Structures are given as C-alpha cells and as structure tokens.
Amino acid sequence: MSTGIKVWEVKDDTLEAVTITMAEAGKKEVEDLEKWLATNPELIGEGIVIIGEQVQTRSGPLDFLGLDS
C-alpha cells in the first residue's frame, strides 16, 4: 500500500493544496520533504526541536523525533 502525499504552498499565510502530487512535481519524500522539514522544524509546529531522524522503535522507524517547548 502506498501513501499519497500532497503538495502544499503558502499563500497569504495559509496553506493551499496544489492539484499535483509530489511525484508529479518531481519531488521525493526522503530527498526533498524530509530534508526540508528537518531544516525548517517550525513548519511542524512552533518551538519544535528535531533531536533524531529515522529513529528505530519497536514499531518501526520514526521519520523524526522531536521535542516541543
């Protein structure tokens, strides 16, 4: 089973879904989305600090492990 990941853009301080997929936009989850989020954790939430990536757990890997303020 695959996961559909939408592409979003910020317009006037709001997020709007773009009508194409990440694949159609030439983007990949790990190479593009995860690197973008890791370098801009404020996109996940205010006060978030990423402390680990691809952290192994009993349930499988977490893309990110973070702390909030």
Protein backbone atom coordinates (compact mmCIF):
# COMPACT_ATOMS: atom_id res chain seq x y z
CA MET A 1 0.00 0.00 0.00
CA SER A 2 1.40 3.38 -0.92
CA THR A 3 0.81 6.69 0.78
CA GLY A 4 -0.34 9.69 -1.20
CA ILE A 5 1.48 12.85 -0.18
CA LYS A 6 0.01 16.13 -1.29
CA VAL A 7 1.96 19.21 -2.30
CA TRP A 8 1.06 22.43 -0.49
CA GLU A 9 2.01 26.04 -0.95
CA VAL A 10 1.74 29.00 1.35
CA LYS A 11 -0.41 31.85 0.08
CA ASP A 12 -1.27 34.83 2.26
CA ASP A 13 -0.24 32.96 5.45
CA THR A 14 -2.46 29.95 4.68
CA LEU A 15 -1.72 26.53 3.22
CA GLU A 16 -3.40 25.62 -0.05
CA ALA A 17 -3.29 22.17 -1.59
CA VAL A 18 -1.71 22.04 -5.03
CA THR A 19 -3.52 19.81 -7.50
CA ILE A 20 -0.43 17.74 -8.37
CA THR A 21 1.32 15.06 -6.33
CA MET A 22 4.89 15.23 -5.08
CA ALA A 23 5.89 12.70 -7.74
CA GLU A 24 4.29 14.80 -10.48
CA ALA A 25 6.18 17.82 -9.12
CA GLY A 26 9.43 15.84 -9.33
CA LYS A 27 9.85 15.66 -5.55
CA LYS A 28 10.54 12.69 -3.30
CA GLU A 29 9.60 12.18 0.33
CA VAL A 30 13.05 11.47 1.79
CA GLU A 31 15.21 13.51 -0.56
CA ASP A 32 13.03 16.61 -0.54
CA LEU A 33 10.23 16.67 2.06
CA GLU A 34 12.15 15.19 5.00
CA LYS A 35 15.23 17.37 4.39
CA TRP A 36 13.01 20.45 4.12
CA LEU A 37 11.21 19.64 7.38
CA ALA A 38 14.47 18.80 9.19
CA THR A 39 15.93 22.19 8.31
CA ASN A 40 12.66 24.05 8.99
CA PRO A 41 11.06 22.35 12.02
CA GLU A 42 8.84 25.37 12.62
CA LEU A 43 6.72 24.00 9.75
CA ILE A 44 5.78 21.10 12.02
CA GLY A 45 4.98 23.35 14.95
CA GLU A 46 6.18 26.31 16.96
CA GLY A 47 9.02 25.52 19.37
CA ILE A 48 9.82 22.10 17.84
CA VAL A 49 13.42 20.88 18.03
CA ILE A 50 14.34 17.80 16.00
CA ILE A 51 16.54 15.51 18.10
CA GLY A 52 16.60 12.43 15.87
CA GLU A 53 15.89 11.20 12.36
CA GLN A 54 14.98 7.66 11.30
CA VAL A 55 14.93 6.61 14.97
CA GLN A 56 14.32 2.88 15.31
CA THR A 57 11.47 1.84 17.62
CA ARG A 58 9.75 -1.49 18.28
CA SER A 59 7.00 -0.38 15.87
CA GLY A 60 9.42 0.67 13.14
CA PRO A 61 11.38 3.80 12.30
CA LEU A 62 10.21 7.30 13.13
CA ASP A 63 10.98 9.83 10.41
CA PHE A 64 11.63 12.44 13.12
CA LEU A 65 11.85 12.51 16.88
CA GLY A 66 11.35 15.96 18.34
CA LEU A 67 10.64 17.94 21.44
CA ASP A 68 8.39 20.92 21.85
CA SER A 69 8.83 23.78 24.26
